[in-house]
PDB file of all heavy atoms in Angstrom:
ATOM      1  N   ASP A   1       3.350  54.981 -34.933  1.00  0.00           N
ATOM      2  CA  ASP A   1       2.965  55.915 -33.879  1.00  0.00           C
ATOM      3  C   ASP A   1       2.808  57.299 -34.493  1.00  0.00           C
ATOM      4  O   ASP A   1       3.780  58.039 -34.647  1.00  0.00           O
ATOM      5  CB  ASP A   1       4.042  55.919 -32.776  1.00  0.00           C
ATOM      6  CG  ASP A   1       3.670  56.796 -31.588  1.00  0.00           C
ATOM      7  OD1 ASP A   1       2.753  57.630 -31.714  1.00  0.00           O
ATOM      8  OD2 ASP A   1       4.314  56.663 -30.523  1.00  0.00           O
ATOM      9  N   ALA A   2       1.581  57.645 -34.864  1.00  0.00           N
ATOM     10  CA  ALA A   2       1.342  58.909 -35.562  1.00  0.00           C
ATOM     11  C   ALA A   2       1.733  60.115 -34.716  1.00  0.00           C
ATOM     12  O   ALA A   2       2.238  61.108 -35.242  1.00  0.00           O
ATOM     13  CB  ALA A   2      -0.120  59.012 -35.979  1.00  0.00           C
ATOM     14  N   ALA A   3       1.526  60.034 -33.402  1.00  0.00           N
ATOM     15  CA  ALA A   3       1.866  61.168 -32.536  1.00  0.00           C
ATOM     16  C   ALA A   3       3.370  61.443 -32.571  1.00  0.00           C
ATOM     17  O   ALA A   3       3.805  62.601 -32.629  1.00  0.00           O
ATOM     18  CB  ALA A   3       1.412  60.887 -31.106  1.00  0.00           C
ATOM     19  N   ALA A   4       4.164  60.384 -32.575  1.00  0.00           N
ATOM     20  CA  ALA A   4       5.615  60.552 -32.611  1.00  0.00           C
ATOM     21  C   ALA A   4       6.067  61.123 -33.951  1.00  0.00           C
ATOM     22  O   ALA A   4       6.946  61.998 -34.009  1.00  0.00           O
ATOM     23  CB  ALA A   4       6.302  59.210 -32.349  1.00  0.00           C
ATOM     24  N   VAL A   5       5.453  60.651 -35.042  1.00  0.00           N
ATOM     25  CA  VAL A   5       5.820  61.149 -36.365  1.00  0.00           C
ATOM     26  C   VAL A   5       5.369  62.601 -36.525  1.00  0.00           C
ATOM     27  O   VAL A   5       6.097  63.432 -37.095  1.00  0.00           O
ATOM     28  CB  VAL A   5       5.220  60.260 -37.469  1.00  0.00           C
ATOM     29  CG1 VAL A   5       5.536  60.824 -38.849  1.00  0.00           C
ATOM     30  CG2 VAL A   5       5.759  58.836 -37.349  1.00  0.00           C
ATOM     31  N   ALA A   6       4.189  62.932 -36.023  1.00  0.00           N
ATOM     32  CA  ALA A   6       3.711  64.315 -36.084  1.00  0.00           C
ATOM     33  C   ALA A   6       4.650  65.237 -35.309  1.00  0.00           C
ATOM     34  O   ALA A   6       4.938  66.355 -35.739  1.00  0.00           O
ATOM     35  CB  ALA A   6       2.292  64.407 -35.537  1.00  0.00           C
ATOM     36  N   ALA A   7       5.143  64.767 -34.171  1.00  0.00           N
ATOM     37  CA  ALA A   7       6.088  65.564 -33.383  1.00  0.00           C
ATOM     38  C   ALA A   7       7.384  65.791 -34.162  1.00  0.00           C
ATOM     39  O   ALA A   7       7.993  66.856 -34.084  1.00  0.00           O
ATOM     40  CB  ALA A   7       6.381  64.869 -32.054  1.00  0.00           C
ATOM     41  N   LEU A   8       7.809  64.776 -34.940  1.00  0.00           N
ATOM     42  CA  LEU A   8       9.001  64.909 -35.766  1.00  0.00           C
ATOM     43  C   LEU A   8       8.838  66.034 -36.787  1.00  0.00           C
ATOM     44  O   LEU A   8       9.717  66.896 -36.936  1.00  0.00           O
ATOM     45  CB  LEU A   8       9.296  63.591 -36.474  1.00  0.00           C
ATOM     46  CG  LEU A   8      10.352  63.647 -37.590  1.00  0.00           C
ATOM     47  CD1 LEU A   8      11.734  63.927 -37.001  1.00  0.00           C
ATOM     48  CD2 LEU A   8      10.354  62.366 -38.403  1.00  0.00           C
ATOM     49  N   TYR A   9       7.694  66.039 -37.515  1.00  0.00           N
ATOM     50  CA  TYR A   9       7.483  67.070 -38.525  1.00  0.00           C
ATOM     51  C   TYR A   9       7.325  68.449 -37.890  1.00  0.00           C
ATOM     52  O   TYR A   9       7.674  69.469 -38.497  1.00  0.00           O
ATOM     53  CB  TYR A   9       6.286  66.723 -39.403  1.00  0.00           C
ATOM     54  CG  TYR A   9       6.608  65.643 -40.404  1.00  0.00           C
ATOM     55  CD1 TYR A   9       6.089  64.364 -40.269  1.00  0.00           C
ATOM     56  CD2 TYR A   9       7.455  65.898 -41.475  1.00  0.00           C
ATOM     57  CE1 TYR A   9       6.404  63.363 -41.182  1.00  0.00           C
ATOM     58  CE2 TYR A   9       7.780  64.912 -42.389  1.00  0.00           C
ATOM     59  CZ  TYR A   9       7.253  63.643 -42.230  1.00  0.00           C
ATOM     60  OH  TYR A   9       7.581  62.667 -43.123  1.00  0.00           O
ATOM     61  N   ASP A  10       6.802  68.471 -36.675  1.00  0.00           N
ATOM     62  CA  ASP A  10       6.724  69.742 -35.955  1.00  0.00           C
ATOM     63  C   ASP A  10       8.125  70.256 -35.647  1.00  0.00           C
ATOM     64  O   ASP A  10       8.429  71.439 -35.827  1.00  0.00           O
ATOM     65  CB  ASP A  10       5.922  69.551 -34.667  1.00  0.00           C
ATOM     66  CG  ASP A  10       5.578  70.878 -33.998  1.00  0.00           C
ATOM     67  OD1 ASP A  10       5.711  71.940 -34.644  1.00  0.00           O
ATOM     68  OD2 ASP A  10       5.177  70.858 -32.824  1.00  0.00           O
ATOM     69  N   ASP A  11       9.023  69.349 -35.195  1.00  0.00           N
ATOM     70  CA  ASP A  11      10.408  69.733 -34.917  1.00  0.00           C
ATOM     71  C   ASP A  11      11.131  70.180 -36.186  1.00  0.00           C
ATOM     72  O   ASP A  11      11.840  71.184 -36.199  1.00  0.00           O
ATOM     73  CB  ASP A  11      11.173  68.556 -34.293  1.00  0.00           C
ATOM     74  CG  ASP A  11      10.733  68.258 -32.865  1.00  0.00           C
ATOM     75  OD1 ASP A  11      10.105  69.136 -32.244  1.00  0.00           O
ATOM     76  OD2 ASP A  11      11.014  67.146 -32.382  1.00  0.00           O
ATOM     77  N   LEU A  12      10.945  69.402 -37.268  1.00  0.00           N
ATOM     78  CA  LEU A  12      11.673  69.671 -38.505  1.00  0.00           C
ATOM     79  C   LEU A  12      11.181  70.916 -39.227  1.00  0.00           C
ATOM     80  O   LEU A  12      11.974  71.734 -39.704  1.00  0.00           O
ATOM     81  CB  LEU A  12      11.567  68.470 -39.449  1.00  0.00           C
ATOM     82  CG  LEU A  12      12.255  67.172 -39.022  1.00  0.00           C
ATOM     83  CD1 LEU A  12      11.960  66.077 -40.043  1.00  0.00           C
ATOM     84  CD2 LEU A  12      13.759  67.375 -38.889  1.00  0.00           C
ATOM     85  N   LEU A  13       9.852  71.064 -39.317  1.00  0.00           N
ATOM     86  CA  LEU A  13       9.277  72.063 -40.214  1.00  0.00           C
ATOM     87  C   LEU A  13       8.273  73.005 -39.554  1.00  0.00           C
ATOM     88  O   LEU A  13       7.774  73.926 -40.197  1.00  0.00           O
ATOM     89  CB  LEU A  13       8.585  71.361 -41.396  1.00  0.00           C
ATOM     90  CG  LEU A  13       9.459  70.376 -42.188  1.00  0.00           C
ATOM     91  CD1 LEU A  13       8.592  69.575 -43.149  1.00  0.00           C
ATOM     92  CD2 LEU A  13      10.549  71.105 -42.936  1.00  0.00           C
ATOM     93  N   GLY A  14       7.948  72.734 -38.294  1.00  0.00           N
ATOM     94  CA  GLY A  14       6.928  73.549 -37.646  1.00  0.00           C
ATOM     95  C   GLY A  14       5.536  73.277 -38.169  1.00  0.00           C
ATOM     96  O   GLY A  14       4.655  74.139 -38.115  1.00  0.00           O
ATOM     97  N   LEU A  15       5.302  72.049 -38.670  1.00  0.00           N
ATOM     98  CA  LEU A  15       4.003  71.655 -39.222  1.00  0.00           C
ATOM     99  C   LEU A  15       3.334  70.642 -38.308  1.00  0.00           C
ATOM    100  O   LEU A  15       3.981  69.699 -37.837  1.00  0.00           O
ATOM    101  CB  LEU A  15       4.178  71.041 -40.616  1.00  0.00           C
ATOM    102  CG  LEU A  15       4.820  71.938 -41.677  1.00  0.00           C
ATOM    103  CD1 LEU A  15       5.021  71.157 -42.964  1.00  0.00           C
ATOM    104  CD2 LEU A  15       3.967  73.170 -41.935  1.00  0.00           C
ATOM    105  N   THR A  16       2.061  70.831 -38.049  1.00  0.00           N
ATOM    106  CA  THR A  16       1.298  69.903 -37.210  1.00  0.00           C
ATOM    107  C   THR A  16       0.023  69.489 -37.945  1.00  0.00           C
ATOM    108  O   THR A  16      -0.466  70.220 -38.813  1.00  0.00           O
ATOM    109  CB  THR A  16       0.911  70.548 -35.871  1.00  0.00           C
ATOM    110  OG1 THR A  16       0.166  71.746 -36.123  1.00  0.00           O
ATOM    111  CG2 THR A  16       2.148  70.892 -35.054  1.00  0.00           C
ATOM    112  N   PRO A  17      -0.532  68.313 -37.627  1.00  0.00           N
ATOM    113  CA  PRO A  17      -1.761  67.874 -38.302  1.00  0.00           C
ATOM    114  C   PRO A  17      -2.908  68.855 -38.085  1.00  0.00           C
ATOM    115  O   PRO A  17      -3.101  69.360 -36.982  1.00  0.00           O
ATOM    116  CB  PRO A  17      -2.053  66.521 -37.647  1.00  0.00           C
ATOM    117  CG  PRO A  17      -0.731  66.036 -37.160  1.00  0.00           C
ATOM    118  CD  PRO A  17      -0.014  67.284 -36.706  1.00  0.00           C
ATOM    119  N   TYR A  18      -3.637  69.112 -39.155  1.00  0.00           N
ATOM    120  CA  TYR A  18      -4.815  69.970 -39.035  1.00  0.00           C
ATOM    121  C   TYR A  18      -6.092  69.148 -38.934  1.00  0.00           C
ATOM    122  O   TYR A  18      -7.160  69.681 -38.631  1.00  0.00           O
ATOM    123  CB  TYR A  18      -4.925  70.922 -40.234  1.00  0.00           C
ATOM    124  CG  TYR A  18      -5.234  70.252 -41.552  1.00  0.00           C
ATOM    125  CD1 TYR A  18      -6.547  69.957 -41.931  1.00  0.00           C
ATOM    126  CD2 TYR A  18      -4.215  69.906 -42.427  1.00  0.00           C
ATOM    127  CE1 TYR A  18      -6.828  69.339 -43.127  1.00  0.00           C
ATOM    128  CE2 TYR A  18      -4.485  69.298 -43.633  1.00  0.00           C
ATOM    129  CZ  TYR A  18      -5.790  69.011 -43.978  1.00  0.00           C
ATOM    130  OH  TYR A  18      -6.065  68.392 -45.168  1.00  0.00           O
ATOM    131  N   LYS A  19      -5.975  67.853 -39.171  1.00  0.00           N
ATOM    132  CA  LYS A  19      -7.175  67.028 -39.198  1.00  0.00           C
ATOM    133  C   LYS A  19      -6.818  65.577 -38.896  1.00  0.00           C
ATOM    134  O   LYS A  19      -5.788  65.071 -39.336  1.00  0.00           O
ATOM    135  CB  LYS A  19      -7.838  67.117 -40.579  1.00  0.00           C
ATOM    136  CG  LYS A  19      -9.129  66.324 -40.719  1.00  0.00           C
ATOM    137  CD  LYS A  19      -9.697  66.508 -42.121  1.00  0.00           C
ATOM    138  CE  LYS A  19     -11.035  65.809 -42.271  1.00  0.00           C
ATOM    139  NZ  LYS A  19     -11.583  65.972 -43.630  1.00  0.00           N
ATOM    140  N   ARG A  20      -7.684  64.919 -38.135  1.00  0.00           N
ATOM    141  CA  ARG A  20      -7.545  63.492 -37.840  1.00  0.00           C
ATOM    142  C   ARG A  20      -8.882  62.831 -38.162  1.00  0.00           C
ATOM    143  O   ARG A  20      -9.938  63.320 -37.755  1.00  0.00           O
ATOM    144  CB  ARG A  20      -7.192  63.317 -36.357  1.00  0.00           C
ATOM    145  CG  ARG A  20      -7.178  61.888 -35.877  1.00  0.00           C
ATOM    146  CD  ARG A  20      -6.826  61.873 -34.396  1.00  0.00           C
ATOM    147  NE  ARG A  20      -7.079  60.574 -33.809  1.00  0.00           N
ATOM    148  CZ  ARG A  20      -6.943  60.295 -32.528  1.00  0.00           C
ATOM    149  NH1 ARG A  20      -6.559  61.254 -31.696  1.00  0.00           N
ATOM    150  NH2 ARG A  20      -7.195  59.092 -32.059  1.00  0.00           N
ATOM    151  N   GLU A  21      -8.851  61.749 -38.912  1.00  0.00           N
ATOM    152  CA  GLU A  21     -10.094  61.121 -39.362  1.00  0.00           C
ATOM    153  C   GLU A  21      -9.904  59.612 -39.491  1.00  0.00           C
ATOM    154  O   GLU A  21      -8.950  59.143 -40.109  1.00  0.00           O
ATOM    155  CB  GLU A  21     -10.518  61.702 -40.712  1.00  0.00           C
ATOM    156  CG  GLU A  21     -11.794  61.105 -41.288  1.00  0.00           C
ATOM    157  CD  GLU A  21     -12.140  61.696 -42.644  1.00  0.00           C
ATOM    158  OE1 GLU A  21     -11.492  62.690 -43.047  1.00  0.00           O
ATOM    159  OE2 GLU A  21     -13.041  61.153 -43.309  1.00  0.00           O
ATOM    160  N   ALA A  22     -10.819  58.862 -38.896  1.00  0.00           N
ATOM    161  CA  ALA A  22     -10.791  57.399 -39.007  1.00  0.00           C
ATOM    162  C   ALA A  22     -11.598  56.958 -40.223  1.00  0.00           C
ATOM    163  O   ALA A  22     -12.693  57.466 -40.464  1.00  0.00           O
ATOM    164  CB  ALA A  22     -11.359  56.762 -37.746  1.00  0.00           C
ATOM    165  N   VAL A  23     -11.051  56.021 -40.983  1.00  0.00           N
ATOM    166  CA  VAL A  23     -11.771  55.395 -42.094  1.00  0.00           C
ATOM    167  C   VAL A  23     -11.960  53.943 -41.680  1.00  0.00           C
ATOM    168  O   VAL A  23     -11.086  53.090 -41.889  1.00  0.00           O
ATOM    169  CB  VAL A  23     -10.994  55.504 -43.419  1.00  0.00           C
ATOM    170  CG1 VAL A  23     -11.823  54.927 -44.568  1.00  0.00           C
ATOM    171  CG2 VAL A  23     -10.639  56.958 -43.714  1.00  0.00           C
ATOM    172  N   GLU A  24     -13.090  53.670 -41.057  1.00  0.00           N
ATOM    173  CA  GLU A  24     -13.319  52.369 -40.435  1.00  0.00           C
ATOM    174  C   GLU A  24     -13.255  51.219 -41.435  1.00  0.00           C
ATOM    175  O   GLU A  24     -12.702  50.157 -41.145  1.00  0.00           O
ATOM    176  CB  GLU A  24     -14.683  52.364 -39.723  1.00  0.00           C
ATOM    177  CG  GLU A  24     -14.814  53.390 -38.602  1.00  0.00           C
ATOM    178  CD  GLU A  24     -14.031  53.007 -37.365  1.00  0.00           C
ATOM    179  OE1 GLU A  24     -13.567  51.848 -37.284  1.00  0.00           O
ATOM    180  OE2 GLU A  24     -13.869  53.866 -36.473  1.00  0.00           O
ATOM    181  N   ARG A  25     -13.814  51.411 -42.623  1.00  0.00           N
ATOM    182  CA  ARG A  25     -13.868  50.322 -43.590  1.00  0.00           C
ATOM    183  C   ARG A  25     -12.484  49.900 -44.060  1.00  0.00           C
ATOM    184  O   ARG A  25     -12.272  48.788 -44.511  1.00  0.00           O
ATOM    185  CB  ARG A  25     -14.738  50.687 -44.794  1.00  0.00           C
ATOM    186  CG  ARG A  25     -14.260  51.868 -45.590  1.00  0.00           C
ATOM    187  CD  ARG A  25     -15.170  52.144 -46.774  1.00  0.00           C
ATOM    188  NE  ARG A  25     -15.053  51.109 -47.785  1.00  0.00           N
ATOM    189  CZ  ARG A  25     -15.858  50.986 -48.811  1.00  0.00           C
ATOM    190  NH1 ARG A  25     -16.850  51.851 -48.964  1.00  0.00           N
ATOM    191  NH2 ARG A  25     -15.686  50.020 -49.685  1.00  0.00           N
ATOM    192  N   GLU A  26     -11.503  50.838 -43.956  1.00  0.00           N
ATOM    193  CA  GLU A  26     -10.129  50.529 -44.335  1.00  0.00           C
ATOM    194  C   GLU A  26      -9.264  50.198 -43.126  1.00  0.00           C
ATOM    195  O   GLU A  26      -8.077  49.861 -43.273  1.00  0.00           O
ATOM    196  CB  GLU A  26      -9.511  51.721 -45.083  1.00  0.00           C
ATOM    197  CG  GLU A  26     -10.271  52.156 -46.312  1.00  0.00           C
ATOM    198  CD  GLU A  26     -10.273  51.107 -47.407  1.00  0.00           C
ATOM    199  OE1 GLU A  26      -9.406  50.209 -47.370  1.00  0.00           O
ATOM    200  OE2 GLU A  26     -11.149  51.170 -48.298  1.00  0.00           O
ATOM    201  N   GLY A  27      -9.845  50.334 -41.917  1.00  0.00           N
ATOM    202  CA  GLY A  27      -9.090  50.032 -40.703  1.00  0.00           C
ATOM    203  C   GLY A  27      -7.924  50.975 -40.476  1.00  0.00           C
ATOM    204  O   GLY A  27      -6.866  50.563 -39.979  1.00  0.00           O
ATOM    205  N   VAL A  28      -8.098  52.256 -40.811  1.00  0.00           N
ATOM    206  CA  VAL A  28      -6.983  53.188 -40.733  1.00  0.00           C
ATOM    207  C   VAL A  28      -7.390  54.500 -40.066  1.00  0.00           C
ATOM    208  O   VAL A  28      -8.524  54.974 -40.228  1.00  0.00           O
ATOM    209  CB  VAL A  28      -6.413  53.465 -42.146  1.00  0.00           C
ATOM    210  CG1 VAL A  28      -7.463  54.128 -43.042  1.00  0.00           C
ATOM    211  CG2 VAL A  28      -5.162  54.339 -42.085  1.00  0.00           C
ATOM    212  N   GLN A  29      -6.470  55.038 -39.286  1.00  0.00           N
ATOM    213  CA  GLN A  29      -6.620  56.370 -38.711  1.00  0.00           C
ATOM    214  C   GLN A  29      -5.713  57.309 -39.502  1.00  0.00           C
ATOM    215  O   GLN A  29      -4.503  57.062 -39.619  1.00  0.00           O
ATOM    216  CB  GLN A  29      -6.205  56.380 -37.239  1.00  0.00           C
ATOM    217  CG  GLN A  29      -6.322  57.730 -36.561  1.00  0.00           C
ATOM    218  CD  GLN A  29      -7.755  58.071 -36.209  1.00  0.00           C
ATOM    219  OE1 GLN A  29      -8.459  57.286 -35.585  1.00  0.00           O
ATOM    220  NE2 GLN A  29      -8.212  59.236 -36.629  1.00  0.00           N
ATOM    221  N   THR A  30      -6.285  58.348 -40.082  1.00  0.00           N
ATOM    222  CA  THR A  30      -5.498  59.271 -40.904  1.00  0.00           C
ATOM    223  C   THR A  30      -5.216  60.552 -40.125  1.00  0.00           C
ATOM    224  O   THR A  30      -6.036  61.011 -39.327  1.00  0.00           O
ATOM    225  CB  THR A  30      -6.220  59.621 -42.211  1.00  0.00           C
ATOM    226  OG1 THR A  30      -7.438  60.316 -41.909  1.00  0.00           O
ATOM    227  CG2 THR A  30      -6.545  58.357 -43.005  1.00  0.00           C
ATOM    228  N   HIS A  31      -4.051  61.137 -40.403  1.00  0.00           N
ATOM    229  CA  HIS A  31      -3.644  62.410 -39.811  1.00  0.00           C
ATOM    230  C   HIS A  31      -3.089  63.254 -40.955  1.00  0.00           C
ATOM    231  O   HIS A  31      -2.082  62.877 -41.568  1.00  0.00           O
ATOM    232  CB  HIS A  31      -2.571  62.214 -38.742  1.00  0.00           C
ATOM    233  CG  HIS A  31      -2.942  61.212 -37.686  1.00  0.00           C
ATOM    234  ND1 HIS A  31      -3.337  61.570 -36.408  1.00  0.00           N
ATOM    235  CD2 HIS A  31      -2.976  59.848 -37.731  1.00  0.00           C
ATOM    236  CE1 HIS A  31      -3.592  60.476 -35.712  1.00  0.00           C
ATOM    237  NE2 HIS A  31      -3.386  59.416 -36.489  1.00  0.00           N
ATOM    238  N   PHE A  32      -3.710  64.396 -41.249  1.00  0.00           N
ATOM    239  CA  PHE A  32      -3.317  65.211 -42.397  1.00  0.00           C
ATOM    240  C   PHE A  32      -2.486  66.413 -41.965  1.00  0.00           C
ATOM    241  O   PHE A  32      -2.854  67.142 -41.034  1.00  0.00           O
ATOM    242  CB  PHE A  32      -4.547  65.694 -43.165  1.00  0.00           C
ATOM    243  CG  PHE A  32      -5.214  64.621 -43.976  1.00  0.00           C
ATOM    244  CD1 PHE A  32      -6.274  63.892 -43.454  1.00  0.00           C
ATOM    245  CD2 PHE A  32      -4.761  64.318 -45.254  1.00  0.00           C
ATOM    246  CE1 PHE A  32      -6.883  62.894 -44.199  1.00  0.00           C
ATOM    247  CE2 PHE A  32      -5.364  63.322 -46.000  1.00  0.00           C
ATOM    248  CZ  PHE A  32      -6.423  62.606 -45.478  1.00  0.00           C
ATOM    249  N   ILE A  33      -1.371  66.602 -42.666  1.00  0.00           N
ATOM    250  CA  ILE A  33      -0.484  67.744 -42.445  1.00  0.00           C
ATOM    251  C   ILE A  33      -0.380  68.509 -43.759  1.00  0.00           C
ATOM    252  O   ILE A  33      -0.022  67.932 -44.789  1.00  0.00           O
ATOM    253  CB  ILE A  33       0.923  67.282 -42.012  1.00  0.00           C
ATOM    254  CG1 ILE A  33       0.847  66.503 -40.688  1.00  0.00           C
ATOM    255  CG2 ILE A  33       1.864  68.473 -41.879  1.00  0.00           C
ATOM    256  CD1 ILE A  33       2.173  65.879 -40.280  1.00  0.00           C
ATOM    257  N   GLN A  34      -0.725  69.791 -43.733  1.00  0.00           N
ATOM    258  CA  GLN A  34      -0.582  70.606 -44.933  1.00  0.00           C
ATOM    259  C   GLN A  34       0.878  70.993 -45.093  1.00  0.00           C
ATOM    260  O   GLN A  34       1.470  71.618 -44.215  1.00  0.00           O
ATOM    261  CB  GLN A  34      -1.440  71.865 -44.841  1.00  0.00           C
ATOM    262  CG  GLN A  34      -1.469  72.699 -46.116  1.00  0.00           C
ATOM    263  CD  GLN A  34      -2.230  72.007 -47.236  1.00  0.00           C
ATOM    264  OE1 GLN A  34      -3.339  71.519 -47.043  1.00  0.00           O
ATOM    265  NE2 GLN A  34      -1.615  71.951 -48.403  1.00  0.00           N
ATOM    266  N   ALA A  35       1.481  70.616 -46.213  1.00  0.00           N
ATOM    267  CA  ALA A  35       2.898  70.894 -46.458  1.00  0.00           C
ATOM    268  C   ALA A  35       3.019  71.648 -47.777  1.00  0.00           C
ATOM    269  O   ALA A  35       3.295  71.062 -48.824  1.00  0.00           O
ATOM    270  CB  ALA A  35       3.707  69.608 -46.489  1.00  0.00           C
ATOM    271  N   GLY A  36       2.778  72.943 -47.742  1.00  0.00           N
ATOM    272  CA  GLY A  36       2.827  73.736 -48.962  1.00  0.00           C
ATOM    273  C   GLY A  36       1.660  73.398 -49.870  1.00  0.00           C
ATOM    274  O   GLY A  36       0.496  73.420 -49.457  1.00  0.00           O
ATOM    275  N   GLN A  37       1.945  73.037 -51.115  1.00  0.00           N
ATOM    276  CA  GLN A  37       0.896  72.800 -52.091  1.00  0.00           C
ATOM    277  C   GLN A  37       0.330  71.386 -52.033  1.00  0.00           C
ATOM    278  O   GLN A  37      -0.630  71.081 -52.722  1.00  0.00           O
ATOM    279  CB  GLN A  37       1.435  73.094 -53.493  1.00  0.00           C
ATOM    280  CG  GLN A  37       1.805  74.561 -53.674  1.00  0.00           C
ATOM    281  CD  GLN A  37       2.274  74.872 -55.076  1.00  0.00           C
ATOM    282  OE1 GLN A  37       2.594  73.971 -55.849  1.00  0.00           O
ATOM    283  NE2 GLN A  37       2.317  76.136 -55.424  1.00  0.00           N
ATOM    284  N   ALA A  38       0.922  70.510 -51.262  1.00  0.00           N
ATOM    285  CA  ALA A  38       0.407  69.144 -51.109  1.00  0.00           C
ATOM    286  C   ALA A  38       0.278  68.836 -49.615  1.00  0.00           C
ATOM    287  O   ALA A  38       0.571  69.674 -48.754  1.00  0.00           O
ATOM    288  CB  ALA A  38       1.327  68.133 -51.806  1.00  0.00           C
ATOM    289  N   LYS A  39      -0.164  67.629 -49.310  1.00  0.00           N
ATOM    290  CA  LYS A  39      -0.364  67.226 -47.930  1.00  0.00           C
ATOM    291  C   LYS A  39       0.413  65.946 -47.647  1.00  0.00           C
ATOM    292  O   LYS A  39       0.754  65.192 -48.561  1.00  0.00           O
ATOM    293  CB  LYS A  39      -1.860  66.961 -47.665  1.00  0.00           C
ATOM    294  CG  LYS A  39      -2.775  68.121 -47.964  1.00  0.00           C
ATOM    295  CD  LYS A  39      -4.229  67.687 -47.887  1.00  0.00           C
ATOM    296  CE  LYS A  39      -5.156  68.822 -48.310  1.00  0.00           C
ATOM    297  NZ  LYS A  39      -6.561  68.389 -48.370  1.00  0.00           N
ATOM    298  N   LEU A  40       0.671  65.707 -46.367  1.00  0.00           N
ATOM    299  CA  LEU A  40       1.148  64.421 -45.895  1.00  0.00           C
ATOM    300  C   LEU A  40      -0.019  63.752 -45.183  1.00  0.00           C
ATOM    301  O   LEU A  40      -0.727  64.395 -44.400  1.00  0.00           O
ATOM    302  CB  LEU A  40       2.319  64.584 -44.924  1.00  0.00           C
ATOM    303  CG  LEU A  40       3.537  65.347 -45.442  1.00  0.00           C
ATOM    304  CD1 LEU A  40       4.599  65.430 -44.349  1.00  0.00           C
ATOM    305  CD2 LEU A  40       4.107  64.698 -46.688  1.00  0.00           C
ATOM    306  N   GLU A  41      -0.241  62.478 -45.472  1.00  0.00           N
ATOM    307  CA  GLU A  41      -1.287  61.714 -44.805  1.00  0.00           C
ATOM    308  C   GLU A  41      -0.612  60.604 -44.010  1.00  0.00           C
ATOM    309  O   GLU A  41      -0.109  59.631 -44.585  1.00  0.00           O
ATOM    310  CB  GLU A  41      -2.268  61.122 -45.823  1.00  0.00           C
ATOM    311  CG  GLU A  41      -3.398  60.333 -45.176  1.00  0.00           C
ATOM    312  CD  GLU A  41      -4.283  59.625 -46.208  1.00  0.00           C
ATOM    313  OE1 GLU A  41      -3.761  59.290 -47.294  1.00  0.00           O
ATOM    314  OE2 GLU A  41      -5.466  59.385 -45.916  1.00  0.00           O
ATOM    315  N   LEU A  42      -0.563  60.766 -42.690  1.00  0.00           N
ATOM    316  CA  LEU A  42      -0.001  59.732 -41.834  1.00  0.00           C
ATOM    317  C   LEU A  42      -1.064  58.657 -41.623  1.00  0.00           C
ATOM    318  O   LEU A  42      -2.196  58.953 -41.227  1.00  0.00           O
ATOM    319  CB  LEU A  42       0.433  60.317 -40.492  1.00  0.00           C
ATOM    320  CG  LEU A  42       1.373  61.534 -40.551  1.00  0.00           C
ATOM    321  CD1 LEU A  42       1.786  61.956 -39.140  1.00  0.00           C
ATOM    322  CD2 LEU A  42       2.582  61.250 -41.412  1.00  0.00           C
ATOM    323  N   LEU A  43      -0.693  57.408 -41.901  1.00  0.00           N
ATOM    324  CA  LEU A  43      -1.635  56.288 -41.855  1.00  0.00           C
ATOM    325  C   LEU A  43      -1.277  55.379 -40.694  1.00  0.00           C
ATOM    326  O   LEU A  43      -0.192  54.791 -40.655  1.00  0.00           O
ATOM    327  CB  LEU A  43      -1.577  55.507 -43.174  1.00  0.00           C
ATOM    328  CG  LEU A  43      -1.878  56.327 -44.434  1.00  0.00           C
ATOM    329  CD1 LEU A  43      -1.428  55.582 -45.674  1.00  0.00           C
ATOM    330  CD2 LEU A  43      -3.348  56.669 -44.516  1.00  0.00           C
TER     331      LEU A  43
END
């Protein structure tokens, strides 16, 4: 549940996804969170 996990990172760090993108060929919905110098990609 990406929405629930995104809410967790918002509570913990004040970070929310800046981008949501579906990759149909891989069957995945991605949610990107910028976390300093790297990113988290919720799959």
